Amino acid sequence: MILAFFMLFAGGMLIGGAWSFYRSKKPWWAYLGLLLLGLLCFGISIWRIQTG
């Protein structure tokens, strides 16, 4: 369960980083990669919380 909350935190940080990269006009692949990685972490955390 601790891992799930850590992944939730990491996913939120990565999604925020992707937004920051998008606003500062970084290359599209950089913020897209961060966004996908953040969504993956977020999805894994939700799955881990639901399964207990």
PDB file of N, CA and C in Angstrom:
ATOM      1  N   MET A   1       0.824  -1.193   0.000  1.00  0.00           N
ATOM      2  CA  MET A   1       0.000   0.000   0.000  1.00  0.00           C
ATOM      3  C   MET A   1       0.869   1.258   0.000  1.00  0.00           C
ATOM      4  N   ILE A   2       1.977   1.220   0.697  1.00  0.00           N
ATOM      5  CA  ILE A   2       2.888   2.372   0.711  1.00  0.00           C
ATOM      6  C   ILE A   2       3.413   2.636  -0.699  1.00  0.00           C
ATOM      7  N   LEU A   3       3.721   1.564  -1.418  1.00  0.00           N
ATOM      8  CA  LEU A   3       4.208   1.700  -2.794  1.00  0.00           C
ATOM      9  C   LEU A   3       3.168   2.382  -3.679  1.00  0.00           C
ATOM     10  N   ALA A   4       1.892   2.075  -3.452  1.00  0.00           N
ATOM     11  CA  ALA A   4       0.828   2.685  -4.250  1.00  0.00           C
ATOM     12  C   ALA A   4       0.794   4.198  -4.037  1.00  0.00           C
ATOM     13  N   PHE A   5       0.926   4.633  -2.797  1.00  0.00           N
ATOM     14  CA  PHE A   5       0.896   6.070  -2.535  1.00  0.00           C
ATOM     15  C   PHE A   5       2.167   6.757  -3.032  1.00  0.00           C
ATOM     16  N   PHE A   6       3.282   6.058  -2.988  1.00  0.00           N
ATOM     17  CA  PHE A   6       4.508   6.602  -3.566  1.00  0.00           C
ATOM     18  C   PHE A   6       4.361   6.759  -5.079  1.00  0.00           C
ATOM     19  N   MET A   7       3.758   5.772  -5.739  1.00  0.00           N
ATOM     20  CA  MET A   7       3.545   5.853  -7.185  1.00  0.00           C
ATOM     21  C   MET A   7       2.559   6.973  -7.530  1.00  0.00           C
ATOM     22  N   LEU A   8       1.561   7.167  -6.673  1.00  0.00           N
ATOM     23  CA  LEU A   8       0.608   8.256  -6.880  1.00  0.00           C
ATOM     24  C   LEU A   8       1.320   9.603  -6.812  1.00  0.00           C
ATOM     25  N   PHE A   9       2.186   9.762  -5.824  1.00  0.00           N
ATOM     26  CA  PHE A   9       2.968  10.993  -5.687  1.00  0.00           C
ATOM     27  C   PHE A   9       3.886  11.187  -6.891  1.00  0.00           C
ATOM     28  N   ALA A  10       4.593  10.122  -7.289  1.00  0.00           N
ATOM     29  CA  ALA A  10       5.514  10.217  -8.424  1.00  0.00           C
ATOM     30  C   ALA A  10       4.762  10.527  -9.712  1.00  0.00           C
ATOM     31  N   GLY A  11       3.608   9.911  -9.903  1.00  0.00           N
ATOM     32  CA  GLY A  11       2.807  10.184 -11.095  1.00  0.00           C
ATOM     33  C   GLY A  11       2.356  11.635 -11.158  1.00  0.00           C
ATOM     34  N   GLY A  12       1.939  12.162 -10.020  1.00  0.00           N
ATOM     35  CA  GLY A  12       1.538  13.569  -9.973  1.00  0.00           C
ATOM     36  C   GLY A  12       2.692  14.509 -10.269  1.00  0.00           C
ATOM     37  N   MET A  13       3.857  14.181  -9.745  1.00  0.00           N
ATOM     38  CA  MET A  13       5.039  15.006 -10.015  1.00  0.00           C
ATOM     39  C   MET A  13       5.410  14.963 -11.500  1.00  0.00           C
ATOM     40  N   LEU A  14       5.340  13.786 -12.098  1.00  0.00           N
ATOM     41  CA  LEU A  14       5.690  13.661 -13.514  1.00  0.00           C
ATOM     42  C   LEU A  14       4.680  14.375 -14.407  1.00  0.00           C
ATOM     43  N   ILE A  15       3.405  14.291 -14.063  1.00  0.00           N
ATOM     44  CA  ILE A  15       2.385  15.001 -14.840  1.00  0.00           C
ATOM     45  C   ILE A  15       2.589  16.511 -14.705  1.00  0.00           C
ATOM     46  N   GLY A  16       2.910  16.976 -13.511  1.00  0.00           N
ATOM     47  CA  GLY A  16       3.220  18.396 -13.318  1.00  0.00           C
ATOM     48  C   GLY A  16       4.457  18.817 -14.089  1.00  0.00           C
ATOM     49  N   GLY A  17       5.455  17.949 -14.131  1.00  0.00           N
ATOM     50  CA  GLY A  17       6.655  18.235 -14.917  1.00  0.00           C
ATOM     51  C   GLY A  17       6.360  18.309 -16.401  1.00  0.00           C
ATOM     52  N   ALA A  18       5.461  17.440 -16.860  1.00  0.00           N
ATOM     53  CA  ALA A  18       5.073  17.476 -18.271  1.00  0.00           C
ATOM     54  C   ALA A  18       4.375  18.794 -18.599  1.00  0.00           C
ATOM     55  N   TRP A  19       3.524  19.264 -17.693  1.00  0.00           N
ATOM     56  CA  TRP A  19       2.846  20.544 -17.899  1.00  0.00           C
ATOM     57  C   TRP A  19       3.865  21.690 -17.934  1.00  0.00           C
ATOM     58  N   SER A  20       4.844  21.628 -17.057  1.00  0.00           N
ATOM     59  CA  SER A  20       5.889  22.644 -17.032  1.00  0.00           C
ATOM     60  C   SER A  20       6.708  22.621 -18.322  1.00  0.00           C
ATOM     61  N   PHE A  21       7.048  21.426 -18.797  1.00  0.00           N
ATOM     62  CA  PHE A  21       7.780  21.302 -20.059  1.00  0.00           C
ATOM     63  C   PHE A  21       6.961  21.864 -21.211  1.00  0.00           C
ATOM     64  N   TYR A  22       5.656  21.599 -21.214  1.00  0.00           N
ATOM     65  CA  TYR A  22       4.777  22.099 -22.279  1.00  0.00           C
ATOM     66  C   TYR A  22       4.728  23.626 -22.267  1.00  0.00           C
ATOM     67  N   ARG A  23       4.619  24.209 -21.075  1.00  0.00           N
ATOM     68  CA  ARG A  23       4.536  25.667 -20.973  1.00  0.00           C
ATOM     69  C   ARG A  23       5.844  26.358 -21.331  1.00  0.00           C
ATOM     70  N   SER A  24       6.976  25.682 -21.118  1.00  0.00           N
ATOM     71  CA  SER A  24       8.265  26.305 -21.422  1.00  0.00           C
ATOM     72  C   SER A  24       8.765  25.952 -22.825  1.00  0.00           C
ATOM     73  N   LYS A  25       7.889  25.389 -23.644  1.00  0.00           N
ATOM     74  CA  LYS A  25       8.170  25.113 -25.063  1.00  0.00           C
ATOM     75  C   LYS A  25       9.350  24.160 -25.269  1.00  0.00           C
ATOM     76  N   LYS A  26       9.411  23.107 -24.443  1.00  0.00           N
ATOM     77  CA  LYS A  26      10.416  22.064 -24.653  1.00  0.00           C
ATOM     78  C   LYS A  26       9.991  21.230 -25.868  1.00  0.00           C
ATOM     79  N   PRO A  27      10.874  20.365 -26.371  1.00  0.00           N
ATOM     80  CA  PRO A  27      10.479  19.508 -27.500  1.00  0.00           C
ATOM     81  C   PRO A  27       9.252  18.653 -27.150  1.00  0.00           C
ATOM     82  N   TRP A  28       8.423  18.389 -28.162  1.00  0.00           N
ATOM     83  CA  TRP A  28       7.165  17.678 -27.928  1.00  0.00           C
ATOM     84  C   TRP A  28       7.391  16.291 -27.348  1.00  0.00           C
ATOM     85  N   TRP A  29       8.472  15.639 -27.764  1.00  0.00           N
ATOM     86  CA  TRP A  29       8.712  14.277 -27.281  1.00  0.00           C
ATOM     87  C   TRP A  29       9.083  14.260 -25.803  1.00  0.00           C
ATOM     88  N   ALA A  30       9.650  15.366 -25.301  1.00  0.00           N
ATOM     89  CA  ALA A  30      10.044  15.427 -23.888  1.00  0.00           C
ATOM     90  C   ALA A  30       8.810  15.491 -22.991  1.00  0.00           C
ATOM     91  N   TYR A  31       7.882  16.400 -23.295  1.00  0.00           N
ATOM     92  CA  TYR A  31       6.719  16.487 -22.421  1.00  0.00           C
ATOM     93  C   TYR A  31       5.744  15.346 -22.662  1.00  0.00           C
ATOM     94  N   LEU A  32       5.717  14.791 -23.872  1.00  0.00           N
ATOM     95  CA  LEU A  32       4.867  13.631 -24.117  1.00  0.00           C
ATOM     96  C   LEU A  32       5.381  12.407 -23.356  1.00  0.00           C
ATOM     97  N   GLY A  33       6.697  12.234 -23.333  1.00  0.00           N
ATOM     98  CA  GLY A  33       7.282  11.129 -22.580  1.00  0.00           C
ATOM     99  C   GLY A  33       7.008  11.250 -21.092  1.00  0.00           C
ATOM    100  N   LEU A  34       7.170  12.462 -20.551  1.00  0.00           N
ATOM    101  CA  LEU A  34       6.879  12.673 -19.128  1.00  0.00           C
ATOM    102  C   LEU A  34       5.405  12.444 -18.824  1.00  0.00           C
ATOM    103  N   LEU A  35       4.547  12.905 -19.722  1.00  0.00           N
ATOM    104  CA  LEU A  35       3.115  12.728 -19.513  1.00  0.00           C
ATOM    105  C   LEU A  35       2.738  11.251 -19.507  1.00  0.00           C
ATOM    106  N   LEU A  36       3.253  10.492 -20.469  1.00  0.00           N
ATOM    107  CA  LEU A  36       2.934   9.065 -20.527  1.00  0.00           C
ATOM    108  C   LEU A  36       3.473   8.319 -19.311  1.00  0.00           C
ATOM    109  N   LEU A  37       4.673   8.655 -18.902  1.00  0.00           N
ATOM    110  CA  LEU A  37       5.249   8.017 -17.719  1.00  0.00           C
ATOM    111  C   LEU A  37       4.450   8.377 -16.460  1.00  0.00           C
ATOM    112  N   GLY A  38       4.031   9.629 -16.365  1.00  0.00           N
ATOM    113  CA  GLY A  38       3.217  10.053 -15.228  1.00  0.00           C
ATOM    114  C   GLY A  38       1.865   9.369 -15.196  1.00  0.00           C
ATOM    115  N   LEU A  39       1.235   9.235 -16.363  1.00  0.00           N
ATOM    116  CA  LEU A  39      -0.053   8.551 -16.418  1.00  0.00           C
ATOM    117  C   LEU A  39       0.086   7.070 -16.089  1.00  0.00           C
ATOM    118  N   LEU A  40       1.196   6.471 -16.504  1.00  0.00           N
ATOM    119  CA  LEU A  40       1.453   5.071 -16.171  1.00  0.00           C
ATOM    120  C   LEU A  40       1.597   4.901 -14.656  1.00  0.00           C
ATOM    121  N   CYS A  41       2.379   5.756 -14.028  1.00  0.00           N
ATOM    122  CA  CYS A  41       2.538   5.699 -12.565  1.00  0.00           C
ATOM    123  C   CYS A  41       1.207   5.926 -11.862  1.00  0.00           C
ATOM    124  N   PHE A  42       0.449   6.876 -12.354  1.00  0.00           N
ATOM    125  CA  PHE A  42      -0.848   7.185 -11.761  1.00  0.00           C
ATOM    126  C   PHE A  42      -1.795   5.994 -11.891  1.00  0.00           C
ATOM    127  N   GLY A  43      -1.823   5.385 -13.072  1.00  0.00           N
ATOM    128  CA  GLY A  43      -2.684   4.223 -13.293  1.00  0.00           C
ATOM    129  C   GLY A  43      -2.294   3.033 -12.436  1.00  0.00           C
ATOM    130  N   ILE A  44      -0.998   2.785 -12.316  1.00  0.00           N
ATOM    131  CA  ILE A  44      -0.529   1.680 -11.472  1.00  0.00           C
ATOM    132  C   ILE A  44      -0.910   1.927 -10.015  1.00  0.00           C
ATOM    133  N   SER A  45      -0.790   3.170  -9.575  1.00  0.00           N
ATOM    134  CA  SER A  45      -1.121   3.463  -8.179  1.00  0.00           C
ATOM    135  C   SER A  45      -2.612   3.261  -7.909  1.00  0.00           C
ATOM    136  N   ILE A  46      -3.468   3.688  -8.816  1.00  0.00           N
ATOM    137  CA  ILE A  46      -4.909   3.490  -8.633  1.00  0.00           C
ATOM    138  C   ILE A  46      -5.233   2.001  -8.606  1.00  0.00           C
ATOM    139  N   TRP A  47      -4.612   1.237  -9.503  1.00  0.00           N
ATOM    140  CA  TRP A  47      -4.825  -0.209  -9.536  1.00  0.00           C
ATOM    141  C   TRP A  47      -4.373  -0.866  -8.237  1.00  0.00           C
ATOM    142  N   ARG A  48      -3.208  -0.454  -7.725  1.00  0.00           N
ATOM    143  CA  ARG A  48      -2.685  -1.041  -6.482  1.00  0.00           C
ATOM    144  C   ARG A  48      -3.559  -0.670  -5.270  1.00  0.00           C
ATOM    145  N   ILE A  49      -4.101   0.541  -5.257  1.00  0.00           N
ATOM    146  CA  ILE A  49      -4.966   0.948  -4.149  1.00  0.00           C
ATOM    147  C   ILE A  49      -6.273   0.155  -4.181  1.00  0.00           C
ATOM    148  N   GLN A  50      -6.830  -0.060  -5.379  1.00  0.00           N
ATOM    149  CA  GLN A  50      -8.090  -0.791  -5.484  1.00  0.00           C
ATOM    150  C   GLN A  50      -7.944  -2.265  -5.128  1.00  0.00           C
ATOM    151  N   THR A  51      -6.803  -2.861  -5.462  1.00  0.00           N
ATOM    152  CA  THR A  51      -6.625  -4.286  -5.171  1.00  0.00           C
ATOM    153  C   THR A  51      -6.177  -4.533  -3.734  1.00  0.00           C
ATOM    154  N   GLY A  52      -5.834  -3.491  -3.041  1.00  0.00           N
ATOM    155  CA  GLY A  52      -5.497  -3.623  -1.622  1.00  0.00           C
ATOM    156  C   GLY A  52      -4.089  -3.969  -1.418  1.00  0.00           C
TER     157      GLY A  52
END
